N, C-alpha and C. Protein backbone atom coordinates (compact mmCIF):
# COMPACT_ATOMS: atom_id res chain seq x y z
N MET A 1 0.84 -1.19 0.00
CA MET A 1 0.00 0.00 0.00
C MET A 1 0.88 1.25 0.00
N VAL A 2 0.57 2.19 -0.83
CA VAL A 2 1.32 3.43 -0.93
C VAL A 2 0.89 4.36 0.21
N ALA A 3 1.88 4.94 0.88
CA ALA A 3 1.59 5.88 1.98
C ALA A 3 0.90 7.11 1.42
N PRO A 4 -0.11 7.60 2.14
CA PRO A 4 -0.79 8.82 1.69
C PRO A 4 0.16 10.01 1.72
N LYS A 5 -0.07 10.95 0.84
CA LYS A 5 0.73 12.17 0.84
C LYS A 5 0.10 13.15 1.82
N ARG A 6 0.74 13.25 2.99
CA ARG A 6 0.27 14.16 4.04
C ARG A 6 1.47 14.88 4.62
N ILE A 7 1.26 16.13 4.97
CA ILE A 7 2.28 16.92 5.65
C ILE A 7 1.61 17.64 6.81
N ILE A 8 2.35 17.72 7.90
CA ILE A 8 1.91 18.50 9.05
C ILE A 8 2.62 19.84 8.99
N VAL A 9 1.85 20.91 9.10
CA VAL A 9 2.43 22.25 9.21
C VAL A 9 2.10 22.75 10.61
N GLY A 10 3.16 23.09 11.34
CA GLY A 10 3.00 23.69 12.66
C GLY A 10 3.44 25.13 12.59
N ILE A 11 2.72 25.98 13.29
CA ILE A 11 3.09 27.39 13.38
C ILE A 11 3.22 27.69 14.87
N SER A 12 4.42 28.13 15.27
CA SER A 12 4.61 28.46 16.68
C SER A 12 4.75 29.97 16.84
N GLY A 13 5.00 30.42 18.06
CA GLY A 13 4.86 31.83 18.40
C GLY A 13 6.00 32.76 18.07
N ALA A 14 7.00 32.32 17.35
CA ALA A 14 8.08 33.24 16.97
C ALA A 14 7.57 34.26 15.96
N THR A 15 8.29 35.36 15.86
CA THR A 15 7.95 36.32 14.82
C THR A 15 8.12 35.65 13.45
N GLY A 16 7.28 36.02 12.51
CA GLY A 16 7.35 35.41 11.18
C GLY A 16 6.18 34.49 10.88
N PHE A 17 5.01 34.82 11.40
CA PHE A 17 3.81 34.02 11.11
C PHE A 17 3.64 33.85 9.60
N GLN A 18 4.15 34.82 8.84
CA GLN A 18 4.03 34.78 7.38
C GLN A 18 4.69 33.55 6.78
N TYR A 19 5.70 33.00 7.44
CA TYR A 19 6.33 31.78 6.93
C TYR A 19 5.34 30.62 6.93
N GLY A 20 4.57 30.51 7.98
CA GLY A 20 3.56 29.45 8.05
C GLY A 20 2.47 29.65 7.01
N ILE A 21 2.02 30.88 6.86
CA ILE A 21 1.00 31.20 5.84
C ILE A 21 1.53 30.83 4.46
N CYS A 22 2.76 31.22 4.17
CA CYS A 22 3.34 30.94 2.86
C CYS A 22 3.42 29.44 2.61
N ALA A 23 3.81 28.67 3.63
CA ALA A 23 3.87 27.21 3.47
C ALA A 23 2.49 26.67 3.10
N LEU A 24 1.47 27.12 3.79
CA LEU A 24 0.11 26.66 3.49
C LEU A 24 -0.30 27.04 2.07
N GLN A 25 0.05 28.24 1.66
CA GLN A 25 -0.29 28.69 0.31
C GLN A 25 0.45 27.89 -0.77
N LEU A 26 1.73 27.60 -0.53
CA LEU A 26 2.50 26.84 -1.51
C LEU A 26 2.04 25.38 -1.60
N LEU A 27 1.57 24.84 -0.48
CA LEU A 27 1.10 23.45 -0.48
C LEU A 27 -0.30 23.30 -1.09
N ARG A 28 -1.07 24.36 -1.08
CA ARG A 28 -2.48 24.30 -1.51
C ARG A 28 -2.69 23.65 -2.88
N PRO A 29 -1.93 24.04 -3.91
CA PRO A 29 -2.19 23.44 -5.24
C PRO A 29 -1.63 22.03 -5.41
N LEU A 30 -0.85 21.55 -4.45
CA LEU A 30 -0.24 20.22 -4.57
C LEU A 30 -1.22 19.15 -4.11
N ASP A 31 -0.98 17.96 -4.56
CA ASP A 31 -1.82 16.82 -4.18
C ASP A 31 -1.30 16.23 -2.86
N ILE A 32 -1.34 17.07 -1.81
CA ILE A 32 -0.86 16.69 -0.49
C ILE A 32 -1.89 17.17 0.53
N GLU A 33 -2.29 16.26 1.40
CA GLU A 33 -3.22 16.60 2.48
C GLU A 33 -2.43 17.33 3.57
N VAL A 34 -2.88 18.53 3.91
CA VAL A 34 -2.16 19.37 4.87
C VAL A 34 -2.91 19.40 6.20
N HIS A 35 -2.18 19.01 7.26
CA HIS A 35 -2.70 19.05 8.63
C HIS A 35 -2.02 20.21 9.34
N LEU A 36 -2.81 21.07 9.96
CA LEU A 36 -2.30 22.30 10.57
C LEU A 36 -2.52 22.28 12.08
N VAL A 37 -1.49 22.71 12.81
CA VAL A 37 -1.62 22.94 14.25
C VAL A 37 -0.90 24.25 14.56
N VAL A 38 -1.59 25.13 15.29
CA VAL A 38 -1.09 26.47 15.59
C VAL A 38 -1.01 26.62 17.11
N SER A 39 0.14 27.05 17.60
CA SER A 39 0.32 27.21 19.04
C SER A 39 -0.43 28.45 19.55
N GLU A 40 -0.60 28.52 20.87
CA GLU A 40 -1.25 29.68 21.47
C GLU A 40 -0.43 30.94 21.23
N GLY A 41 0.89 30.83 21.33
CA GLY A 41 1.75 31.98 21.06
C GLY A 41 1.63 32.46 19.62
N ALA A 42 1.47 31.52 18.70
CA ALA A 42 1.33 31.88 17.29
C ALA A 42 0.03 32.65 17.04
N GLU A 43 -0.99 32.33 17.81
CA GLU A 43 -2.25 33.07 17.67
C GLU A 43 -2.02 34.55 17.95
N ARG A 44 -1.27 34.83 18.99
CA ARG A 44 -0.97 36.23 19.34
C ARG A 44 -0.11 36.87 18.25
N THR A 45 0.88 36.13 17.75
CA THR A 45 1.75 36.66 16.70
C THR A 45 0.95 36.95 15.44
N ARG A 46 0.01 36.06 15.10
CA ARG A 46 -0.85 36.28 13.92
C ARG A 46 -1.57 37.61 14.05
N GLU A 47 -2.12 37.88 15.22
CA GLU A 47 -2.86 39.13 15.45
C GLU A 47 -1.95 40.36 15.32
N LEU A 48 -0.72 40.24 15.79
CA LEU A 48 0.21 41.38 15.78
C LEU A 48 0.84 41.62 14.43
N GLU A 49 1.10 40.55 13.67
CA GLU A 49 1.90 40.68 12.45
C GLU A 49 1.13 40.61 11.14
N THR A 50 -0.10 40.16 11.17
CA THR A 50 -0.80 39.97 9.90
C THR A 50 -2.23 40.50 9.97
N GLU A 51 -2.84 40.55 8.81
CA GLU A 51 -4.25 40.91 8.70
C GLU A 51 -5.13 39.66 8.60
N TYR A 52 -4.51 38.47 8.64
CA TYR A 52 -5.25 37.22 8.52
C TYR A 52 -6.07 36.94 9.78
N SER A 53 -7.30 36.49 9.58
CA SER A 53 -8.10 35.99 10.70
C SER A 53 -7.75 34.52 10.89
N ARG A 54 -8.12 33.97 12.02
CA ARG A 54 -7.85 32.55 12.25
C ARG A 54 -8.59 31.71 11.21
N SER A 55 -9.80 32.11 10.84
CA SER A 55 -10.54 31.33 9.84
C SER A 55 -9.87 31.42 8.46
N ASP A 56 -9.22 32.55 8.14
CA ASP A 56 -8.46 32.65 6.89
C ASP A 56 -7.33 31.62 6.86
N VAL A 57 -6.64 31.50 7.99
CA VAL A 57 -5.52 30.57 8.10
C VAL A 57 -6.03 29.13 8.01
N ASP A 58 -7.06 28.82 8.78
CA ASP A 58 -7.62 27.47 8.80
C ASP A 58 -8.09 27.03 7.42
N ALA A 59 -8.61 27.97 6.63
CA ALA A 59 -9.13 27.64 5.30
C ALA A 59 -8.03 27.17 4.35
N LEU A 60 -6.78 27.44 4.67
CA LEU A 60 -5.67 27.02 3.81
C LEU A 60 -5.23 25.58 4.05
N ALA A 61 -5.75 24.95 5.11
CA ALA A 61 -5.38 23.57 5.44
C ALA A 61 -6.54 22.63 5.16
N ASP A 62 -6.23 21.36 4.98
CA ASP A 62 -7.27 20.35 4.81
C ASP A 62 -7.87 19.94 6.14
N VAL A 63 -7.01 19.84 7.16
CA VAL A 63 -7.44 19.44 8.49
C VAL A 63 -6.76 20.37 9.49
N VAL A 64 -7.52 20.89 10.44
CA VAL A 64 -6.98 21.76 11.48
C VAL A 64 -7.16 21.07 12.83
N HIS A 65 -6.07 21.00 13.59
CA HIS A 65 -6.11 20.35 14.90
C HIS A 65 -5.89 21.39 15.99
N PRO A 66 -6.73 21.41 17.01
CA PRO A 66 -6.48 22.30 18.16
C PRO A 66 -5.19 21.89 18.86
N VAL A 67 -4.40 22.86 19.28
CA VAL A 67 -3.11 22.61 19.90
C VAL A 67 -3.23 21.81 21.20
N SER A 68 -4.39 21.85 21.82
CA SER A 68 -4.59 21.14 23.08
C SER A 68 -5.05 19.69 22.89
N GLU A 69 -5.34 19.29 21.65
CA GLU A 69 -5.92 17.96 21.38
C GLU A 69 -4.82 16.90 21.23
N LEU A 70 -4.31 16.43 22.35
CA LEU A 70 -3.22 15.46 22.32
C LEU A 70 -3.62 14.10 21.75
N GLY A 71 -4.91 13.86 21.60
CA GLY A 71 -5.37 12.61 21.02
C GLY A 71 -5.63 12.69 19.52
N ALA A 72 -5.19 13.76 18.88
CA ALA A 72 -5.40 13.93 17.44
C ALA A 72 -4.60 12.90 16.65
N SER A 73 -5.01 12.68 15.42
CA SER A 73 -4.35 11.69 14.56
C SER A 73 -2.85 11.95 14.42
N ILE A 74 -2.44 13.22 14.33
CA ILE A 74 -1.03 13.54 14.11
C ILE A 74 -0.17 13.27 15.34
N ALA A 75 -0.79 12.89 16.46
CA ALA A 75 -0.05 12.55 17.68
C ALA A 75 0.32 11.07 17.71
N SER A 76 0.00 10.34 16.64
CA SER A 76 0.27 8.91 16.60
C SER A 76 1.19 8.56 15.44
N GLY A 77 2.15 7.70 15.73
CA GLY A 77 3.06 7.23 14.69
C GLY A 77 2.38 6.38 13.63
N SER A 78 1.22 5.81 13.96
CA SER A 78 0.51 5.00 12.96
C SER A 78 -0.16 5.87 11.90
N PHE A 79 -0.24 7.18 12.14
CA PHE A 79 -0.78 8.11 11.16
C PHE A 79 0.39 8.54 10.27
N ARG A 80 0.44 8.00 9.06
CA ARG A 80 1.59 8.21 8.20
C ARG A 80 1.57 9.59 7.54
N THR A 81 2.74 10.21 7.55
CA THR A 81 2.92 11.51 6.91
C THR A 81 4.27 11.53 6.20
N MET A 82 4.46 12.52 5.34
CA MET A 82 5.75 12.77 4.70
C MET A 82 6.70 13.44 5.69
N GLY A 83 6.13 14.05 6.71
CA GLY A 83 6.92 14.76 7.71
C GLY A 83 6.19 16.00 8.18
N MET A 84 6.98 16.88 8.80
CA MET A 84 6.41 18.07 9.44
C MET A 84 7.33 19.26 9.24
N LEU A 85 6.70 20.40 9.01
CA LEU A 85 7.39 21.69 8.95
C LEU A 85 6.85 22.56 10.07
N ILE A 86 7.74 23.14 10.86
CA ILE A 86 7.31 24.14 11.84
C ILE A 86 7.89 25.47 11.38
N ALA A 87 6.98 26.36 10.98
CA ALA A 87 7.37 27.63 10.37
C ALA A 87 6.46 28.75 10.85
N PRO A 88 6.95 29.66 11.65
CA PRO A 88 8.28 29.69 12.24
C PRO A 88 8.33 28.77 13.46
N CYS A 89 9.55 28.52 13.91
CA CYS A 89 9.76 27.70 15.10
C CYS A 89 10.40 28.56 16.18
N SER A 90 9.67 28.75 17.26
CA SER A 90 10.18 29.55 18.38
C SER A 90 11.23 28.75 19.15
N MET A 91 12.00 29.43 19.95
CA MET A 91 13.00 28.76 20.78
C MET A 91 12.33 27.91 21.85
N ARG A 92 11.14 28.27 22.29
CA ARG A 92 10.39 27.45 23.24
C ARG A 92 9.99 26.13 22.59
N THR A 93 9.50 26.20 21.36
CA THR A 93 9.12 24.98 20.64
C THR A 93 10.36 24.14 20.34
N LEU A 94 11.45 24.78 19.92
CA LEU A 94 12.69 24.06 19.68
C LEU A 94 13.12 23.30 20.94
N ALA A 95 13.08 23.96 22.09
CA ALA A 95 13.49 23.32 23.34
C ALA A 95 12.59 22.14 23.67
N ALA A 96 11.29 22.30 23.48
CA ALA A 96 10.36 21.20 23.76
C ALA A 96 10.62 20.01 22.84
N VAL A 97 10.91 20.28 21.57
CA VAL A 97 11.20 19.20 20.63
C VAL A 97 12.53 18.54 20.99
N ALA A 98 13.54 19.34 21.31
CA ALA A 98 14.87 18.82 21.64
C ALA A 98 14.83 17.91 22.86
N HIS A 99 13.90 18.17 23.77
CA HIS A 99 13.84 17.41 25.02
C HIS A 99 12.60 16.52 25.11
N ALA A 100 11.98 16.26 23.95
CA ALA A 100 10.82 15.36 23.85
C ALA A 100 9.74 15.70 24.86
N SER A 101 9.50 16.99 25.01
CA SER A 101 8.46 17.46 25.92
C SER A 101 7.20 17.73 25.11
N GLY A 102 6.44 16.70 24.86
CA GLY A 102 5.23 16.82 24.04
C GLY A 102 4.07 17.32 24.86
N ASP A 103 4.18 18.55 25.36
CA ASP A 103 3.16 19.11 26.25
C ASP A 103 1.98 19.72 25.52
N ASN A 104 2.06 19.79 24.20
CA ASN A 104 0.91 20.23 23.40
C ASN A 104 0.99 19.47 22.07
N LEU A 105 -0.03 19.61 21.25
CA LEU A 105 -0.07 18.82 20.02
C LEU A 105 1.06 19.17 19.06
N LEU A 106 1.45 20.43 19.02
CA LEU A 106 2.52 20.84 18.12
C LEU A 106 3.82 20.10 18.46
N THR A 107 4.20 20.11 19.73
CA THR A 107 5.45 19.46 20.12
C THR A 107 5.32 17.95 20.15
N ARG A 108 4.15 17.43 20.46
CA ARG A 108 3.92 15.98 20.43
C ARG A 108 4.03 15.46 18.99
N ALA A 109 3.42 16.15 18.04
CA ALA A 109 3.49 15.73 16.64
C ALA A 109 4.94 15.74 16.15
N ALA A 110 5.70 16.76 16.53
CA ALA A 110 7.12 16.81 16.14
C ALA A 110 7.89 15.64 16.74
N ASP A 111 7.60 15.31 17.99
CA ASP A 111 8.24 14.17 18.65
C ASP A 111 7.93 12.87 17.91
N VAL A 112 6.69 12.70 17.50
CA VAL A 112 6.28 11.50 16.76
C VAL A 112 7.01 11.42 15.42
N VAL A 113 7.10 12.54 14.73
CA VAL A 113 7.81 12.57 13.45
C VAL A 113 9.26 12.12 13.64
N LEU A 114 9.90 12.62 14.67
CA LEU A 114 11.30 12.23 14.92
C LEU A 114 11.42 10.77 15.31
N LYS A 115 10.56 10.30 16.21
CA LYS A 115 10.70 8.91 16.68
C LYS A 115 10.44 7.91 15.55
N ASP A 116 9.62 8.30 14.59
CA ASP A 116 9.32 7.42 13.47
C ASP A 116 10.25 7.67 12.28
N ARG A 117 11.28 8.46 12.50
CA ARG A 117 12.33 8.73 11.51
C ARG A 117 11.79 9.35 10.22
N ARG A 118 10.82 10.24 10.41
CA ARG A 118 10.32 11.03 9.28
C ARG A 118 11.02 12.38 9.30
N ARG A 119 10.80 13.15 8.25
CA ARG A 119 11.45 14.45 8.14
C ARG A 119 10.77 15.48 9.04
N LEU A 120 11.58 16.20 9.80
CA LEU A 120 11.13 17.33 10.60
C LEU A 120 12.01 18.51 10.23
N VAL A 121 11.40 19.59 9.74
CA VAL A 121 12.12 20.79 9.35
C VAL A 121 11.65 21.93 10.25
N LEU A 122 12.61 22.55 10.95
CA LEU A 122 12.29 23.64 11.86
C LEU A 122 12.88 24.94 11.32
N MET A 123 12.00 25.87 10.97
CA MET A 123 12.45 27.19 10.53
C MET A 123 12.57 28.07 11.78
N THR A 124 13.70 27.89 12.47
CA THR A 124 13.93 28.58 13.74
C THR A 124 14.11 30.07 13.53
N ARG A 125 13.50 30.83 14.45
CA ARG A 125 13.51 32.29 14.35
C ARG A 125 13.98 32.89 15.66
N GLU A 126 15.24 33.26 15.71
CA GLU A 126 15.80 33.96 16.86
C GLU A 126 17.17 34.46 16.48
N THR A 127 17.55 35.59 17.04
CA THR A 127 18.90 36.10 16.86
C THR A 127 19.16 37.17 17.90
N PRO A 128 20.32 37.22 18.48
CA PRO A 128 21.38 36.24 18.40
C PRO A 128 20.98 34.97 19.15
N LEU A 129 21.77 33.93 18.95
CA LEU A 129 21.49 32.64 19.58
C LEU A 129 22.29 32.49 20.87
N SER A 130 21.64 31.96 21.89
CA SER A 130 22.35 31.63 23.12
C SER A 130 22.92 30.22 22.98
N MET A 131 23.78 29.85 23.91
CA MET A 131 24.34 28.50 23.88
C MET A 131 23.23 27.47 24.06
N ALA A 132 22.22 27.77 24.86
CA ALA A 132 21.09 26.84 25.02
C ALA A 132 20.39 26.61 23.69
N HIS A 133 20.18 27.67 22.90
CA HIS A 133 19.56 27.53 21.58
C HIS A 133 20.40 26.63 20.67
N ILE A 134 21.70 26.89 20.67
CA ILE A 134 22.60 26.12 19.81
C ILE A 134 22.62 24.65 20.23
N ARG A 135 22.65 24.40 21.53
CA ARG A 135 22.64 23.01 22.01
C ARG A 135 21.32 22.32 21.65
N ASN A 136 20.21 23.04 21.76
CA ASN A 136 18.93 22.44 21.39
C ASN A 136 18.89 22.14 19.90
N MET A 137 19.46 23.02 19.08
CA MET A 137 19.54 22.75 17.64
C MET A 137 20.39 21.52 17.38
N GLN A 138 21.48 21.38 18.12
CA GLN A 138 22.34 20.20 17.97
C GLN A 138 21.57 18.94 18.33
N LEU A 139 20.83 18.96 19.44
CA LEU A 139 20.07 17.78 19.86
C LEU A 139 19.06 17.37 18.79
N VAL A 140 18.33 18.34 18.27
CA VAL A 140 17.33 18.02 17.24
C VAL A 140 18.02 17.48 15.99
N THR A 141 19.14 18.05 15.62
CA THR A 141 19.87 17.58 14.44
C THR A 141 20.37 16.15 14.66
N GLU A 142 20.86 15.86 15.85
CA GLU A 142 21.33 14.50 16.15
C GLU A 142 20.19 13.49 16.11
N MET A 143 18.96 13.95 16.36
CA MET A 143 17.80 13.06 16.30
C MET A 143 17.25 12.92 14.89
N GLY A 144 17.82 13.65 13.95
CA GLY A 144 17.39 13.54 12.55
C GLY A 144 16.59 14.72 12.04
N GLY A 145 16.33 15.70 12.90
CA GLY A 145 15.62 16.89 12.45
C GLY A 145 16.53 17.80 11.64
N ILE A 146 15.93 18.70 10.90
CA ILE A 146 16.68 19.66 10.08
C ILE A 146 16.37 21.06 10.58
N ILE A 147 17.42 21.76 10.97
CA ILE A 147 17.28 23.15 11.41
C ILE A 147 17.51 24.03 10.19
N MET A 148 16.51 24.82 9.84
CA MET A 148 16.62 25.66 8.65
C MET A 148 16.11 27.06 8.95
N PRO A 149 16.97 27.88 9.55
CA PRO A 149 16.55 29.27 9.76
C PRO A 149 16.25 29.92 8.42
N PRO A 150 15.24 30.77 8.37
CA PRO A 150 14.88 31.40 7.09
C PRO A 150 15.86 32.53 6.73
N VAL A 151 17.06 32.14 6.37
CA VAL A 151 18.09 33.10 5.97
C VAL A 151 17.86 33.43 4.50
N PRO A 152 17.70 34.69 4.18
CA PRO A 152 17.38 35.04 2.79
C PRO A 152 18.52 34.74 1.82
N ALA A 153 18.15 34.33 0.65
CA ALA A 153 19.08 34.17 -0.47
C ALA A 153 18.82 35.30 -1.45
N PHE A 154 19.88 35.76 -2.09
CA PHE A 154 19.72 36.90 -2.99
C PHE A 154 20.12 36.60 -4.43
N TYR A 155 20.57 35.36 -4.70
CA TYR A 155 21.00 35.02 -6.06
C TYR A 155 19.84 35.07 -7.05
N HIS A 156 18.61 34.94 -6.55
CA HIS A 156 17.45 35.01 -7.44
C HIS A 156 16.90 36.43 -7.57
N ARG A 157 17.62 37.38 -6.98
CA ARG A 157 17.28 38.81 -7.06
C ARG A 157 15.84 39.11 -6.65
N PRO A 158 15.50 38.84 -5.39
CA PRO A 158 14.14 39.09 -4.93
C PRO A 158 13.79 40.58 -5.03
N GLN A 159 12.54 40.83 -5.36
CA GLN A 159 12.07 42.19 -5.51
C GLN A 159 11.22 42.64 -4.32
N THR A 160 10.68 41.67 -3.58
CA THR A 160 9.79 42.00 -2.47
C THR A 160 10.11 41.11 -1.27
N VAL A 161 9.57 41.49 -0.13
CA VAL A 161 9.69 40.65 1.06
C VAL A 161 9.02 39.31 0.79
N ASP A 162 7.89 39.32 0.11
CA ASP A 162 7.21 38.07 -0.23
C ASP A 162 8.10 37.14 -1.06
N ASP A 163 8.90 37.69 -1.96
CA ASP A 163 9.84 36.87 -2.74
C ASP A 163 10.83 36.16 -1.81
N ILE A 164 11.31 36.88 -0.81
CA ILE A 164 12.28 36.32 0.14
C ILE A 164 11.62 35.22 0.97
N VAL A 165 10.43 35.50 1.49
CA VAL A 165 9.71 34.53 2.32
C VAL A 165 9.40 33.28 1.49
N ARG A 166 8.88 33.48 0.29
CA ARG A 166 8.51 32.36 -0.57
C ARG A 166 9.71 31.46 -0.88
N HIS A 167 10.85 32.07 -1.16
CA HIS A 167 12.03 31.27 -1.48
C HIS A 167 12.48 30.45 -0.27
N SER A 168 12.51 31.07 0.92
CA SER A 168 12.91 30.34 2.14
C SER A 168 11.97 29.19 2.43
N VAL A 169 10.68 29.44 2.34
CA VAL A 169 9.69 28.39 2.61
C VAL A 169 9.74 27.31 1.53
N GLY A 170 9.93 27.72 0.29
CA GLY A 170 10.04 26.74 -0.79
C GLY A 170 11.21 25.79 -0.58
N ARG A 171 12.34 26.32 -0.13
CA ARG A 171 13.50 25.47 0.16
C ARG A 171 13.20 24.52 1.31
N ALA A 172 12.47 24.99 2.33
CA ALA A 172 12.09 24.12 3.45
C ALA A 172 11.17 23.00 2.97
N LEU A 173 10.22 23.33 2.10
CA LEU A 173 9.31 22.31 1.57
C LEU A 173 10.04 21.33 0.65
N ASP A 174 11.10 21.80 -0.04
CA ASP A 174 11.96 20.90 -0.82
C ASP A 174 12.48 19.78 0.07
N LEU A 175 12.87 20.12 1.28
CA LEU A 175 13.44 19.14 2.22
C LEU A 175 12.43 18.08 2.62
N LEU A 176 11.15 18.38 2.44
CA LEU A 176 10.08 17.42 2.74
C LEU A 176 9.63 16.66 1.49
N GLY A 177 10.29 16.89 0.38
CA GLY A 177 9.97 16.16 -0.84
C GLY A 177 8.86 16.76 -1.67
N CYS A 178 8.54 18.00 -1.42
CA CYS A 178 7.49 18.67 -2.20
C CYS A 178 8.09 19.20 -3.50
N ASP A 179 7.37 19.03 -4.58
CA ASP A 179 7.82 19.49 -5.89
C ASP A 179 7.11 20.79 -6.22
N LEU A 180 7.79 21.89 -5.98
CA LEU A 180 7.20 23.21 -6.21
C LEU A 180 7.66 23.77 -7.54
N GLU A 181 6.73 24.28 -8.30
CA GLU A 181 7.05 24.91 -9.57
C GLU A 181 7.49 26.35 -9.33
N ASN A 182 8.29 26.86 -10.21
CA ASN A 182 8.70 28.26 -10.21
C ASN A 182 9.49 28.69 -8.97
N LEU A 183 10.17 27.75 -8.33
CA LEU A 183 11.04 28.12 -7.23
C LEU A 183 12.43 28.40 -7.81
N PRO A 184 12.92 29.64 -7.65
CA PRO A 184 14.23 29.94 -8.22
C PRO A 184 15.32 29.04 -7.63
N ARG A 185 16.15 28.48 -8.50
CA ARG A 185 17.22 27.58 -8.08
C ARG A 185 18.52 28.02 -8.75
N TRP A 186 19.59 27.87 -8.03
CA TRP A 186 20.89 28.24 -8.54
C TRP A 186 21.24 27.39 -9.77
N GLY A 187 21.61 28.06 -10.83
CA GLY A 187 22.06 27.36 -12.03
C GLY A 187 20.95 26.83 -12.92
N GLU A 188 19.70 27.09 -12.56
CA GLU A 188 18.59 26.60 -13.40
C GLU A 188 17.85 27.78 -14.01
């Protein structure tokens, strides 16, 4: 039996809610079922940084899971997915993932993805980094996760902030095996 094409998108409370929105928008036209979980901190960030309502965000996903619902399908390893993207990923979420503290659905789903050796991509958002942040990134990397801060690339000559966000998120989705059209690539 072929595994279903599913991806979990988590949005945590770091600045950059737009990264999560962009991921949902880029996944929309693909033949991939998108499961969304948004942290409580991300709800506040959404209000501060964007004009999107919660219902606008939810409409971009196929399935939306409340962050408090630890019994959701994405909390089980038997629920097969291609992996998970957390965009943006706060240092609190990074720490919870690094120490397997599945105290909410977002961190529990990430823990499940790691334990089942699926792809976990964390678009960490913080600067400068403390030694605790760096050590947590090391722990997640040693467990098989991918730390991918949204560092802008300029070889594709972005014209807008949206161009920069789209390129960073597109590269993160590449790591999950998504085939995105029109993503600028070096040498192509």
